[in-house]
């Protein structure tokens, strides 16, 4: 990503802000199924961030086109510690398309179509390619699903309260925690 267009954290969010914006640039620093990365920027419950790609930009190709990395952890077959976010994309910053994110307010697993669900395997220290959706972990998205051929903007909006109305993990490090965004297909 080339820059942050907007960072609108929830009032209680503070984790990672001492390293902002550098903390979200570069590759993800996943901890695998056993633990989420602490190299993240917390949005807080209801917070949002919009990032911009200038060169290259995300392009629609076969399968997933970009991957969002949070710090979810746990066994994907049984459910992970999840702080989901809604994902929207735009080519021009005006016409936005939101990926369908299925949330029921009861914390039901898995919240399909959301970011912040799957553990992150990719880390510069383990050689796992962050642009390979088959091994990188994180949550992959396909522009074809929302009818776009390309995107320059990715907006992530924390959905903690929509996922679980009790939202027990709000606070300084609560809500969606952005680690990185990787482009799989570019132009």
N, C-alpha and C. Protein backbone atom coordinates (compact mmCIF):
# COMPACT_ATOMS: atom_id res chain seq x y z
N UNK A 1 0.85 -1.17 0.00
CA UNK A 1 0.00 0.00 0.00
C UNK A 1 0.89 1.23 0.00
N UNK A 2 0.40 2.29 -0.60
CA UNK A 2 1.22 3.49 -0.74
C UNK A 2 0.96 4.54 0.33
N UNK A 3 -0.28 4.61 0.82
CA UNK A 3 -0.55 5.58 1.89
C UNK A 3 -1.87 5.25 2.57
N UNK A 4 -2.08 5.91 3.69
CA UNK A 4 -3.35 5.82 4.41
C UNK A 4 -4.15 7.06 4.04
N UNK A 5 -5.33 6.86 3.48
CA UNK A 5 -6.20 7.97 3.12
C UNK A 5 -6.97 8.48 4.32
N UNK A 6 -7.39 7.55 5.20
CA UNK A 6 -8.19 7.92 6.37
C UNK A 6 -7.96 6.91 7.47
N UNK A 7 -7.70 7.39 8.66
CA UNK A 7 -7.65 6.53 9.84
C UNK A 7 -8.58 7.15 10.86
N UNK A 8 -9.66 6.45 11.16
CA UNK A 8 -10.69 6.95 12.07
C UNK A 8 -10.91 5.91 13.17
N UNK A 9 -9.98 5.86 14.15
CA UNK A 9 -10.10 4.85 15.20
C UNK A 9 -11.23 5.17 16.17
N UNK A 10 -11.74 4.14 16.82
CA UNK A 10 -12.69 4.35 17.91
C UNK A 10 -11.96 5.07 19.03
N UNK A 11 -12.66 5.84 19.86
CA UNK A 11 -12.01 6.64 20.91
C UNK A 11 -11.11 5.84 21.84
N UNK A 12 -11.47 4.59 22.14
CA UNK A 12 -10.68 3.82 23.10
C UNK A 12 -9.47 3.14 22.47
N UNK A 13 -9.39 3.10 21.14
CA UNK A 13 -8.31 2.38 20.46
C UNK A 13 -6.99 3.13 20.60
N UNK A 14 -5.94 2.40 20.92
CA UNK A 14 -4.61 3.02 20.98
C UNK A 14 -3.50 2.07 20.60
N UNK A 15 -3.74 0.76 20.60
CA UNK A 15 -2.67 -0.20 20.35
C UNK A 15 -2.11 -0.02 18.94
N UNK A 16 -0.81 0.14 18.85
CA UNK A 16 -0.12 0.29 17.57
C UNK A 16 -0.02 1.71 17.07
N UNK A 17 -0.72 2.65 17.72
CA UNK A 17 -0.69 4.02 17.23
C UNK A 17 0.68 4.67 17.42
N UNK A 18 1.48 4.17 18.36
CA UNK A 18 2.83 4.71 18.54
C UNK A 18 3.73 4.37 17.35
N UNK A 19 3.37 3.37 16.56
CA UNK A 19 4.14 2.98 15.38
C UNK A 19 3.43 3.31 14.07
N UNK A 20 2.30 3.99 14.16
CA UNK A 20 1.49 4.33 12.99
C UNK A 20 2.16 5.44 12.19
N UNK A 21 2.20 5.37 10.86
CA UNK A 21 1.59 4.37 10.00
C UNK A 21 2.51 3.19 9.64
N UNK A 22 3.78 3.26 10.00
CA UNK A 22 4.75 2.23 9.59
C UNK A 22 4.31 0.82 9.96
N UNK A 23 3.57 0.67 11.05
CA UNK A 23 3.18 -0.66 11.53
C UNK A 23 2.33 -1.44 10.52
N UNK A 24 1.64 -0.77 9.60
CA UNK A 24 0.80 -1.48 8.64
C UNK A 24 1.44 -1.61 7.26
N UNK A 25 2.60 -1.00 7.05
CA UNK A 25 3.31 -1.13 5.78
C UNK A 25 4.17 -2.38 5.78
N UNK A 26 4.43 -2.92 4.61
CA UNK A 26 5.28 -4.09 4.50
C UNK A 26 4.50 -5.38 4.67
N UNK A 27 5.22 -6.49 4.76
CA UNK A 27 4.56 -7.80 4.84
C UNK A 27 3.92 -8.04 6.19
N UNK A 28 2.98 -8.99 6.24
CA UNK A 28 2.37 -9.34 7.53
C UNK A 28 3.40 -10.04 8.41
N UNK A 29 3.14 -10.00 9.69
CA UNK A 29 4.00 -10.67 10.66
C UNK A 29 3.16 -11.67 11.46
N UNK A 30 2.62 -12.63 10.72
CA UNK A 30 1.72 -13.61 11.31
C UNK A 30 2.36 -14.49 12.35
N UNK A 31 1.54 -14.91 13.29
CA UNK A 31 1.98 -15.82 14.34
C UNK A 31 1.40 -17.21 14.18
N UNK A 32 0.70 -17.46 13.06
CA UNK A 32 0.11 -18.77 12.83
C UNK A 32 -1.10 -19.01 13.71
N UNK A 33 -1.51 -20.26 13.79
CA UNK A 33 -2.70 -20.62 14.55
C UNK A 33 -2.52 -20.42 16.05
N UNK A 34 -1.27 -20.48 16.51
CA UNK A 34 -1.02 -20.41 17.95
C UNK A 34 -1.08 -19.04 18.57
N UNK A 35 -0.97 -17.99 17.77
CA UNK A 35 -1.00 -16.66 18.37
C UNK A 35 -0.99 -15.57 17.32
N UNK A 36 -1.74 -14.52 17.56
CA UNK A 36 -1.79 -13.41 16.64
C UNK A 36 -0.60 -12.49 16.80
N UNK A 37 -0.29 -11.77 15.75
CA UNK A 37 0.82 -10.82 15.76
C UNK A 37 0.49 -9.61 16.64
N UNK A 38 1.51 -9.05 17.25
CA UNK A 38 1.35 -7.80 17.98
C UNK A 38 1.82 -6.62 17.14
N UNK A 39 2.26 -6.90 15.91
CA UNK A 39 2.69 -5.87 14.96
C UNK A 39 1.47 -5.42 14.16
N UNK A 40 0.54 -4.73 14.85
CA UNK A 40 -0.75 -4.37 14.27
C UNK A 40 -1.18 -2.97 14.71
N UNK A 41 -2.19 -2.46 14.03
CA UNK A 41 -2.83 -1.20 14.38
C UNK A 41 -4.28 -1.49 14.72
N UNK A 42 -4.68 -1.25 15.96
CA UNK A 42 -6.06 -1.51 16.38
C UNK A 42 -6.97 -0.37 15.93
N UNK A 43 -8.09 -0.74 15.32
CA UNK A 43 -9.08 0.25 14.91
C UNK A 43 -10.05 0.57 16.04
N UNK A 44 -10.16 -0.34 16.99
CA UNK A 44 -11.17 -0.18 18.03
C UNK A 44 -12.53 -0.58 17.50
N UNK A 45 -13.47 -0.80 18.38
CA UNK A 45 -14.80 -1.24 18.00
C UNK A 45 -15.54 -0.12 17.28
N UNK A 46 -15.77 -0.32 15.98
CA UNK A 46 -16.42 0.68 15.15
C UNK A 46 -15.46 1.56 14.38
N UNK A 47 -14.16 1.43 14.59
CA UNK A 47 -13.17 2.24 13.88
C UNK A 47 -13.03 1.82 12.43
N UNK A 48 -12.33 2.66 11.64
CA UNK A 48 -12.16 2.38 10.22
C UNK A 48 -10.83 2.91 9.72
N UNK A 49 -10.36 2.31 8.63
CA UNK A 49 -9.15 2.78 7.96
C UNK A 49 -9.34 2.57 6.46
N UNK A 50 -8.86 3.53 5.67
CA UNK A 50 -8.87 3.42 4.22
C UNK A 50 -7.44 3.56 3.74
N UNK A 51 -6.97 2.55 2.99
CA UNK A 51 -5.61 2.58 2.45
C UNK A 51 -5.68 2.71 0.94
N UNK A 52 -4.60 3.26 0.36
CA UNK A 52 -4.54 3.60 -1.06
C UNK A 52 -3.36 2.91 -1.72
N UNK A 53 -3.59 2.38 -2.91
CA UNK A 53 -2.54 1.77 -3.73
C UNK A 53 -2.39 2.59 -5.00
N UNK A 54 -1.17 3.06 -5.28
CA UNK A 54 -0.91 3.87 -6.46
C UNK A 54 -0.26 3.05 -7.56
N UNK A 55 0.83 2.38 -7.25
CA UNK A 55 1.56 1.62 -8.26
C UNK A 55 2.31 0.49 -7.59
N UNK A 56 1.85 -0.73 -7.76
CA UNK A 56 0.74 -1.19 -8.58
C UNK A 56 -0.60 -1.04 -7.86
N UNK A 57 -1.67 -1.25 -8.64
CA UNK A 57 -3.01 -1.27 -8.04
C UNK A 57 -3.54 -2.70 -8.09
N UNK A 58 -4.58 -2.96 -7.34
CA UNK A 58 -5.19 -4.29 -7.32
C UNK A 58 -5.97 -4.49 -8.61
N UNK A 59 -5.78 -5.65 -9.26
CA UNK A 59 -6.48 -5.97 -10.50
C UNK A 59 -7.23 -7.28 -10.34
N UNK A 60 -8.35 -7.40 -11.06
CA UNK A 60 -9.10 -8.65 -11.03
C UNK A 60 -8.38 -9.68 -11.88
N UNK A 61 -8.10 -10.81 -11.29
CA UNK A 61 -7.47 -11.94 -11.98
C UNK A 61 -8.21 -13.19 -11.58
N UNK A 62 -7.68 -14.35 -11.93
CA UNK A 62 -8.34 -15.59 -11.51
C UNK A 62 -8.22 -15.80 -10.01
N UNK A 63 -9.34 -15.98 -9.33
CA UNK A 63 -9.32 -16.21 -7.89
C UNK A 63 -9.11 -14.94 -7.10
N UNK A 64 -8.62 -15.07 -5.86
CA UNK A 64 -8.44 -13.90 -4.98
C UNK A 64 -7.46 -12.88 -5.56
N UNK A 65 -7.76 -11.60 -5.32
CA UNK A 65 -6.94 -10.50 -5.85
C UNK A 65 -6.14 -9.77 -4.78
N UNK A 66 -6.60 -9.84 -3.53
CA UNK A 66 -5.83 -9.24 -2.44
C UNK A 66 -6.18 -9.96 -1.14
N UNK A 67 -5.27 -9.82 -0.17
CA UNK A 67 -5.44 -10.49 1.11
C UNK A 67 -5.31 -9.46 2.23
N UNK A 68 -6.23 -9.50 3.18
CA UNK A 68 -6.18 -8.64 4.36
C UNK A 68 -5.71 -9.50 5.53
N UNK A 69 -4.71 -8.98 6.25
CA UNK A 69 -4.14 -9.70 7.38
C UNK A 69 -4.46 -8.98 8.68
N UNK A 70 -5.05 -9.71 9.61
CA UNK A 70 -5.36 -9.22 10.95
C UNK A 70 -4.52 -10.05 11.91
N UNK A 71 -4.94 -10.28 13.11
CA UNK A 71 -4.18 -11.15 14.02
C UNK A 71 -5.07 -12.22 14.66
N UNK A 72 -5.99 -12.76 13.86
CA UNK A 72 -6.82 -13.87 14.34
C UNK A 72 -5.93 -15.07 14.65
N UNK A 73 -6.35 -15.86 15.61
CA UNK A 73 -5.60 -17.08 15.92
C UNK A 73 -6.55 -18.15 16.42
N UNK A 74 -6.10 -19.38 16.37
CA UNK A 74 -6.90 -20.53 16.77
C UNK A 74 -7.02 -21.50 15.62
N UNK A 75 -7.78 -22.56 15.80
CA UNK A 75 -7.96 -23.60 14.81
C UNK A 75 -9.10 -23.21 13.88
N UNK A 76 -8.81 -22.96 12.58
CA UNK A 76 -9.87 -22.55 11.66
C UNK A 76 -11.02 -23.55 11.55
N UNK A 77 -10.77 -24.82 11.87
CA UNK A 77 -11.85 -25.81 11.80
C UNK A 77 -12.80 -25.72 12.99
N UNK A 78 -12.34 -25.12 14.07
CA UNK A 78 -13.17 -25.03 15.28
C UNK A 78 -13.56 -23.60 15.64
N UNK A 79 -13.00 -22.64 14.95
CA UNK A 79 -13.26 -21.23 15.24
C UNK A 79 -12.01 -20.56 15.75
N UNK A 80 -11.86 -19.31 15.39
CA UNK A 80 -10.69 -18.55 15.83
C UNK A 80 -11.13 -17.38 16.69
N UNK A 81 -10.16 -16.79 17.40
CA UNK A 81 -10.41 -15.52 18.07
C UNK A 81 -10.53 -14.50 16.95
N UNK A 82 -11.72 -13.97 16.78
CA UNK A 82 -12.05 -13.18 15.60
C UNK A 82 -12.52 -11.78 15.98
N UNK A 83 -11.93 -10.79 15.31
CA UNK A 83 -12.39 -9.40 15.41
C UNK A 83 -12.63 -8.94 13.97
N UNK A 84 -13.82 -9.22 13.43
CA UNK A 84 -14.06 -9.02 12.00
C UNK A 84 -14.20 -7.56 11.59
N UNK A 85 -13.96 -7.35 10.29
CA UNK A 85 -14.17 -6.05 9.68
C UNK A 85 -14.88 -6.24 8.35
N UNK A 86 -15.68 -5.26 8.01
CA UNK A 86 -16.28 -5.20 6.68
C UNK A 86 -15.22 -4.64 5.73
N UNK A 87 -15.21 -5.14 4.49
CA UNK A 87 -14.22 -4.74 3.49
C UNK A 87 -14.94 -4.11 2.31
N UNK A 88 -14.51 -2.89 1.95
CA UNK A 88 -15.03 -2.19 0.78
C UNK A 88 -13.86 -1.80 -0.10
N UNK A 89 -14.12 -1.74 -1.41
CA UNK A 89 -13.07 -1.36 -2.36
C UNK A 89 -13.61 -0.32 -3.34
N UNK A 90 -12.68 0.46 -3.91
CA UNK A 90 -13.05 1.48 -4.87
C UNK A 90 -11.88 1.73 -5.81
N UNK A 91 -12.18 2.07 -7.05
CA UNK A 91 -11.13 2.48 -7.98
C UNK A 91 -10.86 3.97 -7.86
N UNK A 92 -11.93 4.76 -7.65
CA UNK A 92 -11.80 6.22 -7.68
C UNK A 92 -11.99 6.90 -6.33
N UNK A 93 -12.31 6.17 -5.28
CA UNK A 93 -12.54 6.77 -3.97
C UNK A 93 -13.93 7.36 -3.81
N UNK A 94 -14.77 7.20 -4.84
CA UNK A 94 -16.14 7.72 -4.81
C UNK A 94 -17.15 6.57 -4.87
N UNK A 95 -17.00 5.70 -5.86
CA UNK A 95 -17.88 4.54 -6.04
C UNK A 95 -17.31 3.37 -5.24
N UNK A 96 -17.97 3.04 -4.13
CA UNK A 96 -17.49 1.98 -3.24
C UNK A 96 -18.33 0.73 -3.41
N UNK A 97 -17.67 -0.43 -3.34
CA UNK A 97 -18.34 -1.72 -3.39
C UNK A 97 -17.95 -2.49 -2.13
N UNK A 98 -18.95 -2.97 -1.39
CA UNK A 98 -18.68 -3.70 -0.15
C UNK A 98 -18.86 -5.20 -0.37
N UNK A 99 -17.89 -5.97 0.10
CA UNK A 99 -18.01 -7.42 0.06
C UNK A 99 -19.06 -7.85 1.07
N UNK A 100 -19.90 -8.84 0.72
CA UNK A 100 -20.90 -9.32 1.67
C UNK A 100 -20.22 -9.96 2.88
N UNK A 101 -20.53 -9.48 4.05
CA UNK A 101 -19.94 -9.95 5.30
C UNK A 101 -21.09 -10.43 6.18
N UNK A 102 -21.14 -11.73 6.46
CA UNK A 102 -22.28 -12.32 7.16
C UNK A 102 -22.05 -12.31 8.68
N UNK A 103 -22.78 -11.43 9.35
CA UNK A 103 -22.68 -11.29 10.81
C UNK A 103 -24.06 -11.43 11.42
N UNK A 104 -24.15 -12.16 12.54
CA UNK A 104 -25.47 -12.41 13.12
C UNK A 104 -25.65 -11.84 14.53
N UNK A 105 -24.63 -11.16 15.06
CA UNK A 105 -24.74 -10.58 16.39
C UNK A 105 -24.54 -11.56 17.52
N UNK A 106 -24.38 -12.84 17.19
CA UNK A 106 -24.23 -13.88 18.22
C UNK A 106 -22.83 -14.50 18.23
N UNK A 107 -21.92 -13.97 17.40
CA UNK A 107 -20.57 -14.52 17.35
C UNK A 107 -20.48 -15.86 16.65
N UNK A 108 -21.44 -16.16 15.76
CA UNK A 108 -21.43 -17.45 15.07
C UNK A 108 -20.24 -17.57 14.14
N UNK A 109 -19.66 -18.77 14.12
CA UNK A 109 -18.47 -19.03 13.32
C UNK A 109 -18.85 -19.75 12.04
N UNK A 110 -18.24 -19.45 10.90
CA UNK A 110 -17.36 -18.31 10.66
C UNK A 110 -18.15 -17.13 10.11
N UNK A 111 -17.71 -15.92 10.35
CA UNK A 111 -18.35 -14.75 9.74
C UNK A 111 -17.86 -14.62 8.29
N UNK A 112 -18.53 -15.30 7.38
CA UNK A 112 -18.10 -15.37 5.98
C UNK A 112 -18.05 -14.00 5.32
N UNK A 113 -17.02 -13.80 4.49
CA UNK A 113 -16.89 -12.59 3.71
C UNK A 113 -16.31 -11.41 4.46
N UNK A 114 -15.86 -11.62 5.68
CA UNK A 114 -15.28 -10.55 6.49
C UNK A 114 -13.76 -10.71 6.55
N UNK A 115 -13.07 -9.65 6.89
CA UNK A 115 -11.64 -9.73 7.19
C UNK A 115 -11.50 -9.95 8.69
N UNK A 116 -10.33 -10.46 9.10
CA UNK A 116 -10.08 -10.68 10.52
C UNK A 116 -10.55 -12.02 11.02
N UNK A 117 -10.69 -12.99 10.12
CA UNK A 117 -11.26 -14.29 10.48
C UNK A 117 -10.19 -15.38 10.56
N UNK A 118 -9.34 -15.47 9.55
CA UNK A 118 -8.39 -16.58 9.46
C UNK A 118 -7.02 -16.19 10.01
N UNK A 119 -6.34 -17.13 10.69
CA UNK A 119 -4.99 -16.87 11.20
C UNK A 119 -4.03 -16.52 10.07
N UNK A 120 -3.00 -15.75 10.40
CA UNK A 120 -2.00 -15.32 9.43
C UNK A 120 -0.77 -16.21 9.56
N UNK A 121 -0.43 -16.90 8.49
CA UNK A 121 0.74 -17.78 8.47
C UNK A 121 1.98 -17.06 7.98
N UNK A 122 1.82 -16.11 7.05
CA UNK A 122 2.96 -15.43 6.44
C UNK A 122 3.69 -14.53 7.43
N UNK A 123 5.01 -14.60 7.37
CA UNK A 123 5.88 -13.79 8.23
C UNK A 123 7.23 -13.72 7.52
N UNK A 124 7.90 -12.56 7.51
CA UNK A 124 9.20 -12.49 6.83
C UNK A 124 10.20 -13.53 7.32
N UNK A 125 10.03 -14.02 8.53
CA UNK A 125 10.98 -14.96 9.11
C UNK A 125 10.74 -16.41 8.69
N UNK A 126 9.55 -16.72 8.15
CA UNK A 126 9.28 -18.12 7.81
C UNK A 126 9.23 -18.38 6.31
N UNK A 127 9.37 -17.35 5.49
CA UNK A 127 9.41 -17.54 4.05
C UNK A 127 8.07 -17.83 3.39
N UNK A 128 6.97 -17.76 4.13
CA UNK A 128 5.65 -17.98 3.53
C UNK A 128 5.26 -16.73 2.75
N UNK A 129 4.97 -16.90 1.47
CA UNK A 129 4.68 -15.80 0.55
C UNK A 129 3.34 -15.14 0.91
N UNK A 130 3.34 -13.84 1.26
CA UNK A 130 2.09 -13.16 1.63
C UNK A 130 1.14 -12.95 0.45
N UNK A 131 1.61 -13.19 -0.78
CA UNK A 131 0.74 -13.01 -1.94
C UNK A 131 0.18 -14.34 -2.45
N UNK A 132 0.42 -15.41 -1.73
CA UNK A 132 -0.10 -16.73 -2.12
C UNK A 132 -1.27 -17.10 -1.21
N UNK A 133 -2.51 -16.94 -1.71
CA UNK A 133 -3.67 -17.19 -0.86
C UNK A 133 -3.79 -18.63 -0.37
N UNK A 134 -3.08 -19.56 -1.00
CA UNK A 134 -3.15 -20.95 -0.56
C UNK A 134 -2.37 -21.22 0.72
N UNK A 135 -1.39 -20.37 1.03
CA UNK A 135 -0.54 -20.63 2.20
C UNK A 135 -0.39 -19.44 3.15
N UNK A 136 -0.70 -18.23 2.70
CA UNK A 136 -0.42 -17.02 3.48
C UNK A 136 -1.28 -16.85 4.71
N UNK A 137 -2.48 -17.44 4.70
CA UNK A 137 -3.42 -17.16 5.76
C UNK A 137 -4.09 -15.82 5.50
N UNK A 138 -4.71 -15.25 6.51
CA UNK A 138 -5.45 -14.02 6.31
C UNK A 138 -6.73 -14.28 5.54
N UNK A 139 -7.35 -13.21 5.08
CA UNK A 139 -8.64 -13.31 4.40
C UNK A 139 -8.54 -12.73 3.00
N UNK A 140 -8.77 -13.59 2.00
CA UNK A 140 -8.60 -13.23 0.60
C UNK A 140 -9.92 -12.76 -0.01
N UNK A 141 -9.81 -11.80 -0.93
CA UNK A 141 -10.98 -11.21 -1.57
C UNK A 141 -10.78 -11.14 -3.08
N UNK A 142 -11.87 -11.35 -3.83
CA UNK A 142 -11.86 -11.36 -5.29
C UNK A 142 -12.70 -10.19 -5.79
N UNK A 143 -12.08 -9.28 -6.55
CA UNK A 143 -12.80 -8.11 -7.05
C UNK A 143 -14.01 -8.48 -7.90
N UNK A 144 -13.96 -9.63 -8.59
CA UNK A 144 -15.09 -10.05 -9.42
C UNK A 144 -16.37 -10.18 -8.58
N UNK A 145 -16.22 -10.51 -7.31
CA UNK A 145 -17.39 -10.69 -6.44
C UNK A 145 -18.18 -9.39 -6.28
N UNK A 146 -17.51 -8.25 -6.41
CA UNK A 146 -18.20 -6.96 -6.28
C UNK A 146 -18.24 -6.19 -7.60
N UNK A 147 -17.86 -6.85 -8.70
CA UNK A 147 -18.00 -6.25 -10.02
C UNK A 147 -17.00 -5.18 -10.37
N UNK A 148 -15.79 -5.25 -9.84
CA UNK A 148 -14.74 -4.29 -10.19
C UNK A 148 -13.60 -4.98 -10.93
N UNK A 149 -13.04 -4.29 -11.92
CA UNK A 149 -11.88 -4.82 -12.65
C UNK A 149 -10.58 -4.42 -11.96
N UNK A 150 -10.62 -3.34 -11.18
CA UNK A 150 -9.42 -2.86 -10.48
C UNK A 150 -9.85 -2.02 -9.28
N UNK A 151 -8.93 -1.87 -8.33
CA UNK A 151 -9.20 -1.06 -7.14
C UNK A 151 -7.91 -0.40 -6.67
N UNK A 152 -8.04 0.85 -6.25
CA UNK A 152 -6.92 1.58 -5.64
C UNK A 152 -7.11 1.74 -4.14
N UNK A 153 -8.34 1.66 -3.67
CA UNK A 153 -8.67 1.89 -2.26
C UNK A 153 -9.23 0.64 -1.62
N UNK A 154 -8.83 0.39 -0.39
CA UNK A 154 -9.42 -0.66 0.44
C UNK A 154 -9.81 -0.02 1.76
N UNK A 155 -11.09 -0.14 2.11
CA UNK A 155 -11.59 0.40 3.39
C UNK A 155 -11.97 -0.77 4.29
N UNK A 156 -11.48 -0.72 5.53
CA UNK A 156 -11.78 -1.74 6.53
C UNK A 156 -12.53 -1.06 7.67
N UNK A 157 -13.71 -1.56 7.99
CA UNK A 157 -14.54 -1.00 9.05
C UNK A 157 -14.81 -2.08 10.09
N UNK A 158 -14.35 -1.85 11.30
CA UNK A 158 -14.55 -2.83 12.36
C UNK A 158 -16.03 -3.16 12.52
N UNK A 159 -16.31 -4.45 12.70
CA UNK A 159 -17.69 -4.91 12.84
C UNK A 159 -17.88 -5.71 14.13
N UNK A 160 -17.14 -5.39 15.17
CA UNK A 160 -17.20 -6.15 16.42
C UNK A 160 -18.61 -6.24 17.00
N UNK A 161 -19.33 -5.13 17.02
CA UNK A 161 -20.67 -5.14 17.61
C UNK A 161 -21.66 -5.90 16.74
N UNK A 162 -21.45 -5.88 15.42
CA UNK A 162 -22.32 -6.64 14.53
C UNK A 162 -22.07 -8.14 14.67
N UNK A 163 -20.82 -8.50 14.96
CA UNK A 163 -20.45 -9.91 15.11
C UNK A 163 -20.96 -10.48 16.43
N UNK A 164 -20.75 -9.72 17.50
CA UNK A 164 -21.14 -10.17 18.84
C UNK A 164 -21.65 -8.95 19.59
N UNK A 165 -22.95 -8.87 19.81
CA UNK A 165 -23.54 -7.68 20.43
C UNK A 165 -22.95 -7.37 21.80
N UNK A 166 -22.39 -8.38 22.45
CA UNK A 166 -21.75 -8.13 23.74
C UNK A 166 -20.34 -7.57 23.58
N UNK A 167 -19.73 -7.74 22.40
CA UNK A 167 -18.40 -7.22 22.04
C UNK A 167 -17.47 -7.14 23.25
N UNK A 168 -17.12 -8.27 23.82
CA UNK A 168 -16.33 -8.26 25.05
C UNK A 168 -14.89 -7.79 24.88
N UNK A 169 -14.42 -7.63 23.65
CA UNK A 169 -13.01 -7.30 23.46
C UNK A 169 -12.81 -5.90 22.92
N UNK A 170 -13.57 -4.93 23.39
CA UNK A 170 -13.36 -3.54 23.03
C UNK A 170 -12.44 -2.92 24.07
N UNK A 171 -11.67 -1.95 23.64
CA UNK A 171 -10.70 -1.31 24.52
C UNK A 171 -9.49 -0.89 23.72
N UNK A 172 -8.37 -0.64 24.37
CA UNK A 172 -7.17 -0.13 23.70
C UNK A 172 -6.73 -1.02 22.55
N UNK A 173 -6.85 -2.33 22.71
CA UNK A 173 -6.42 -3.24 21.65
C UNK A 173 -7.61 -3.98 21.04
N UNK A 174 -8.82 -3.54 21.32
CA UNK A 174 -10.01 -4.22 20.84
C UNK A 174 -10.37 -3.84 19.43
N UNK A 175 -11.28 -4.60 18.87
CA UNK A 175 -11.71 -4.37 17.50
C UNK A 175 -10.70 -4.91 16.51
N UNK A 176 -10.96 -4.66 15.24
CA UNK A 176 -10.10 -5.15 14.17
C UNK A 176 -8.69 -4.59 14.31
N UNK A 177 -7.70 -5.47 14.12
CA UNK A 177 -6.29 -5.08 14.23
C UNK A 177 -5.62 -5.31 12.88
N UNK A 178 -5.30 -4.25 12.15
CA UNK A 178 -4.71 -4.39 10.82
C UNK A 178 -3.22 -4.68 10.93
N UNK A 179 -2.79 -5.74 10.25
CA UNK A 179 -1.38 -6.09 10.14
C UNK A 179 -0.86 -5.63 8.78
N UNK A 180 -1.53 -6.02 7.69
CA UNK A 180 -1.07 -5.67 6.34
C UNK A 180 -2.17 -5.98 5.33
N UNK A 181 -1.98 -5.46 4.11
CA UNK A 181 -2.81 -5.81 2.96
C UNK A 181 -1.84 -6.16 1.84
N UNK A 182 -2.01 -7.33 1.22
CA UNK A 182 -1.12 -7.77 0.14
C UNK A 182 -1.91 -7.90 -1.16
N UNK A 183 -1.30 -7.45 -2.25
CA UNK A 183 -1.89 -7.59 -3.57
C UNK A 183 -1.48 -8.94 -4.16
N UNK A 184 -2.46 -9.70 -4.63
CA UNK A 184 -2.20 -10.97 -5.31
C UNK A 184 -2.11 -10.74 -6.81
N UNK A 185 -3.08 -10.00 -7.38
CA UNK A 185 -3.06 -9.65 -8.81
C UNK A 185 -2.98 -8.13 -8.93
N UNK A 186 -2.09 -7.67 -9.80
CA UNK A 186 -1.88 -6.22 -9.91
C UNK A 186 -1.81 -5.79 -11.37
N UNK A 187 -1.91 -4.48 -11.54
CA UNK A 187 -1.69 -3.87 -12.86
C UNK A 187 -0.97 -2.55 -12.67
